[in-house]
């Protein structure tokens, strides 16, 4: 009869631990969801800020071909 009380006590302690673990896990899960929602808010803010950036359009510069000759001259000078 004593073994029934011992195993019953162990089972009750295990049940209490499982319940405590479930409560702790629920709290941690809510913390994770809170952080995920904050991350989503920050991503939206970042997207809005990036959307405000105006990139200037490239213009064709006719002197680009001259740049190549300048580079060639620099290479010739550095080779000597």
N, C-alpha and C. Protein backbone atom coordinates (compact mmCIF):
# COMPACT_ATOMS: atom_id res chain seq x y z
N UNK A 1 0.82 -1.19 0.00
CA UNK A 1 0.00 0.00 0.00
C UNK A 1 0.87 1.26 0.00
N UNK A 2 2.04 1.18 0.62
CA UNK A 2 2.93 2.33 0.67
C UNK A 2 3.42 2.67 -0.73
N UNK A 3 3.65 1.65 -1.56
CA UNK A 3 4.15 1.92 -2.90
C UNK A 3 3.13 2.69 -3.74
N UNK A 4 1.86 2.55 -3.46
CA UNK A 4 0.82 3.31 -4.17
C UNK A 4 0.95 4.79 -3.82
N UNK A 5 1.20 5.10 -2.57
CA UNK A 5 1.35 6.49 -2.13
C UNK A 5 2.63 7.08 -2.72
N UNK A 6 3.73 6.29 -2.74
CA UNK A 6 5.00 6.78 -3.30
C UNK A 6 4.85 7.09 -4.79
N UNK A 7 4.31 6.11 -5.55
CA UNK A 7 4.13 6.34 -6.98
C UNK A 7 3.10 7.43 -7.26
N UNK A 8 2.08 7.51 -6.43
CA UNK A 8 1.09 8.59 -6.58
C UNK A 8 1.73 9.96 -6.33
N UNK A 9 2.62 10.04 -5.32
CA UNK A 9 3.33 11.30 -5.05
C UNK A 9 4.26 11.67 -6.19
N UNK A 10 4.96 10.66 -6.73
CA UNK A 10 5.85 10.93 -7.88
C UNK A 10 5.03 11.40 -9.08
N UNK A 11 3.90 10.75 -9.32
CA UNK A 11 3.04 11.14 -10.45
C UNK A 11 2.50 12.55 -10.25
N UNK A 12 2.10 12.87 -9.03
CA UNK A 12 1.59 14.21 -8.74
C UNK A 12 2.68 15.26 -8.91
N UNK A 13 3.90 14.97 -8.44
CA UNK A 13 5.02 15.90 -8.62
C UNK A 13 5.33 16.08 -10.11
N UNK A 14 5.30 15.00 -10.87
CA UNK A 14 5.52 15.08 -12.31
C UNK A 14 4.45 15.91 -13.00
N UNK A 15 3.21 15.75 -12.58
CA UNK A 15 2.12 16.54 -13.16
C UNK A 15 2.28 18.02 -12.86
N UNK A 16 2.68 18.34 -11.63
CA UNK A 16 2.92 19.74 -11.25
C UNK A 16 4.06 20.31 -12.08
N UNK A 17 5.11 19.53 -12.29
CA UNK A 17 6.24 20.01 -13.09
C UNK A 17 5.84 20.22 -14.55
N UNK A 18 5.02 19.33 -15.09
CA UNK A 18 4.56 19.49 -16.46
C UNK A 18 3.70 20.74 -16.60
N UNK A 19 2.86 21.00 -15.64
CA UNK A 19 2.01 22.20 -15.66
C UNK A 19 2.88 23.46 -15.55
N UNK A 20 3.86 23.43 -14.64
CA UNK A 20 4.75 24.58 -14.50
C UNK A 20 5.55 24.81 -15.80
N UNK A 21 6.00 23.75 -16.41
CA UNK A 21 6.74 23.87 -17.66
C UNK A 21 5.84 24.43 -18.77
N UNK A 22 4.59 24.00 -18.82
CA UNK A 22 3.66 24.49 -19.83
C UNK A 22 3.40 25.99 -19.65
N UNK A 23 3.26 26.43 -18.42
CA UNK A 23 3.05 27.86 -18.15
C UNK A 23 4.29 28.64 -18.56
N UNK A 24 5.47 28.15 -18.20
CA UNK A 24 6.72 28.83 -18.56
C UNK A 24 6.87 28.91 -20.08
N UNK A 25 6.56 27.80 -20.76
CA UNK A 25 6.66 27.75 -22.21
C UNK A 25 5.67 28.70 -22.87
N UNK A 26 4.47 28.84 -22.31
CA UNK A 26 3.49 29.77 -22.85
C UNK A 26 3.98 31.21 -22.71
N UNK A 27 4.60 31.53 -21.58
CA UNK A 27 5.16 32.87 -21.39
C UNK A 27 6.29 33.14 -22.39
N UNK A 28 7.15 32.17 -22.58
CA UNK A 28 8.25 32.35 -23.53
C UNK A 28 7.72 32.49 -24.96
N UNK A 29 6.70 31.72 -25.30
CA UNK A 29 6.12 31.82 -26.64
C UNK A 29 5.50 33.20 -26.86
N UNK A 30 4.84 33.74 -25.85
CA UNK A 30 4.27 35.08 -26.00
C UNK A 30 5.37 36.12 -26.13
N UNK A 31 6.49 35.93 -25.43
CA UNK A 31 7.63 36.84 -25.59
C UNK A 31 8.19 36.79 -27.01
N UNK A 32 8.29 35.59 -27.55
CA UNK A 32 8.81 35.43 -28.91
C UNK A 32 7.87 36.10 -29.91
N UNK A 33 6.56 35.90 -29.76
CA UNK A 33 5.61 36.53 -30.67
C UNK A 33 5.66 38.05 -30.55
N UNK A 34 5.88 38.54 -29.35
CA UNK A 34 6.01 39.99 -29.16
C UNK A 34 7.22 40.51 -29.90
N UNK A 35 8.34 39.81 -29.80
CA UNK A 35 9.55 40.23 -30.51
C UNK A 35 9.38 40.14 -32.02
N UNK A 36 8.67 39.13 -32.50
CA UNK A 36 8.43 38.99 -33.93
C UNK A 36 7.57 40.14 -34.44
N UNK A 37 6.55 40.52 -33.67
CA UNK A 37 5.72 41.65 -34.10
C UNK A 37 6.51 42.95 -34.08
N UNK A 38 7.41 43.13 -33.09
CA UNK A 38 8.26 44.32 -33.06
C UNK A 38 9.21 44.32 -34.25
N UNK A 39 9.74 43.17 -34.61
CA UNK A 39 10.61 43.06 -35.77
C UNK A 39 9.85 43.41 -37.06
N UNK A 40 8.61 42.99 -37.16
CA UNK A 40 7.79 43.32 -38.33
C UNK A 40 7.54 44.82 -38.40
N UNK A 41 7.29 45.45 -37.24
CA UNK A 41 7.10 46.91 -37.21
C UNK A 41 8.37 47.62 -37.66
N UNK A 42 9.51 47.17 -37.18
CA UNK A 42 10.78 47.80 -37.58
C UNK A 42 11.05 47.58 -39.07
N UNK A 43 10.68 46.42 -39.60
CA UNK A 43 10.87 46.17 -41.02
C UNK A 43 9.98 47.10 -41.85
N UNK A 44 8.76 47.36 -41.38
CA UNK A 44 7.90 48.31 -42.07
C UNK A 44 8.48 49.71 -42.04
N UNK A 45 9.02 50.12 -40.90
CA UNK A 45 9.65 51.43 -40.80
C UNK A 45 10.84 51.53 -41.74
N UNK A 46 11.64 50.46 -41.80
CA UNK A 46 12.80 50.45 -42.69
C UNK A 46 12.36 50.53 -44.15
N UNK A 47 11.31 49.82 -44.50
CA UNK A 47 10.80 49.86 -45.87
C UNK A 47 10.31 51.27 -46.23
N UNK A 48 9.68 51.94 -45.28
CA UNK A 48 9.24 53.31 -45.54
C UNK A 48 10.43 54.23 -45.72
N UNK A 49 11.46 54.07 -44.90
CA UNK A 49 12.64 54.92 -45.04
C UNK A 49 13.36 54.67 -46.35
N UNK A 50 13.47 53.40 -46.73
CA UNK A 50 14.13 53.08 -47.99
C UNK A 50 13.30 53.61 -49.16
N UNK A 51 11.99 53.60 -49.01
CA UNK A 51 11.13 54.13 -50.06
C UNK A 51 11.29 55.63 -50.26
N UNK A 52 11.79 56.32 -49.26
CA UNK A 52 11.98 57.76 -49.36
C UNK A 52 13.28 58.14 -50.06
N UNK A 53 14.15 57.18 -50.27
CA UNK A 53 15.44 57.47 -50.91
C UNK A 53 15.22 57.72 -52.39
N UNK A 54 15.74 58.83 -52.85
CA UNK A 54 15.66 59.17 -54.27
C UNK A 54 17.04 58.98 -54.88
N UNK A 55 17.14 58.05 -55.80
CA UNK A 55 18.41 57.76 -56.45
C UNK A 55 18.50 58.64 -57.70
N UNK A 56 19.58 59.42 -57.83
CA UNK A 56 19.69 60.26 -59.03
C UNK A 56 19.89 59.41 -60.27
N UNK A 57 19.33 59.88 -61.36
CA UNK A 57 19.47 59.14 -62.61
C UNK A 57 20.87 59.35 -63.18
N UNK A 58 21.38 58.32 -63.79
CA UNK A 58 22.71 58.42 -64.40
C UNK A 58 22.60 59.19 -65.71
N UNK A 59 23.53 60.05 -65.92
CA UNK A 59 23.57 60.78 -67.18
C UNK A 59 24.79 60.29 -67.96
N UNK A 60 24.64 60.21 -69.25
CA UNK A 60 25.73 59.76 -70.09
C UNK A 60 26.73 60.90 -70.24
N UNK A 61 27.92 60.62 -69.81
CA UNK A 61 28.98 61.64 -69.91
C UNK A 61 29.80 61.36 -71.16
N UNK A 62 29.91 62.32 -72.06
CA UNK A 62 30.63 62.06 -73.31
C UNK A 62 32.13 61.92 -73.12
N UNK A 63 32.67 62.30 -71.97
CA UNK A 63 34.12 62.24 -71.78
C UNK A 63 34.57 60.92 -71.15
N UNK A 64 33.72 59.92 -71.13
CA UNK A 64 34.12 58.64 -70.56
C UNK A 64 35.22 57.99 -71.38
N UNK A 65 35.19 58.16 -72.68
CA UNK A 65 36.24 57.54 -73.49
C UNK A 65 37.59 58.16 -73.16
N UNK A 66 37.61 59.44 -72.79
CA UNK A 66 38.86 60.09 -72.41
C UNK A 66 39.39 59.53 -71.09
N UNK A 67 38.49 59.09 -70.22
CA UNK A 67 38.92 58.51 -68.95
C UNK A 67 39.78 57.28 -69.20
N UNK A 68 39.44 56.51 -70.22
CA UNK A 68 40.22 55.31 -70.50
C UNK A 68 41.63 55.67 -70.92
N UNK A 69 41.77 56.73 -71.69
CA UNK A 69 43.12 57.13 -72.09
C UNK A 69 43.90 57.66 -70.90
N UNK A 70 43.21 58.31 -69.94
CA UNK A 70 43.89 58.78 -68.73
C UNK A 70 44.38 57.58 -67.93
N UNK A 71 43.54 56.56 -67.82
CA UNK A 71 43.95 55.36 -67.09
C UNK A 71 45.14 54.70 -67.77
N UNK A 72 45.12 54.68 -69.09
CA UNK A 72 46.23 54.09 -69.83
C UNK A 72 47.51 54.87 -69.58
N UNK A 73 47.41 56.19 -69.51
CA UNK A 73 48.59 57.01 -69.23
C UNK A 73 49.11 56.75 -67.82
N UNK A 74 48.19 56.60 -66.88
CA UNK A 74 48.60 56.30 -65.51
C UNK A 74 49.30 54.95 -65.45
N UNK A 75 48.76 53.96 -66.18
CA UNK A 75 49.38 52.64 -66.19
C UNK A 75 50.76 52.69 -66.83
N UNK A 76 50.91 53.50 -67.88
CA UNK A 76 52.22 53.62 -68.53
C UNK A 76 53.24 54.24 -67.59
N UNK A 77 52.83 55.27 -66.84
CA UNK A 77 53.74 55.96 -65.93
C UNK A 77 54.11 55.04 -64.76
N UNK A 78 53.12 54.30 -64.25
CA UNK A 78 53.42 53.44 -63.10
C UNK A 78 54.24 52.23 -63.51
N UNK A 79 54.25 51.86 -64.78
CA UNK A 79 55.03 50.72 -65.23
C UNK A 79 56.52 51.05 -65.28
N UNK A 80 56.86 52.33 -65.40
CA UNK A 80 58.28 52.70 -65.49
C UNK A 80 58.87 52.99 -64.14
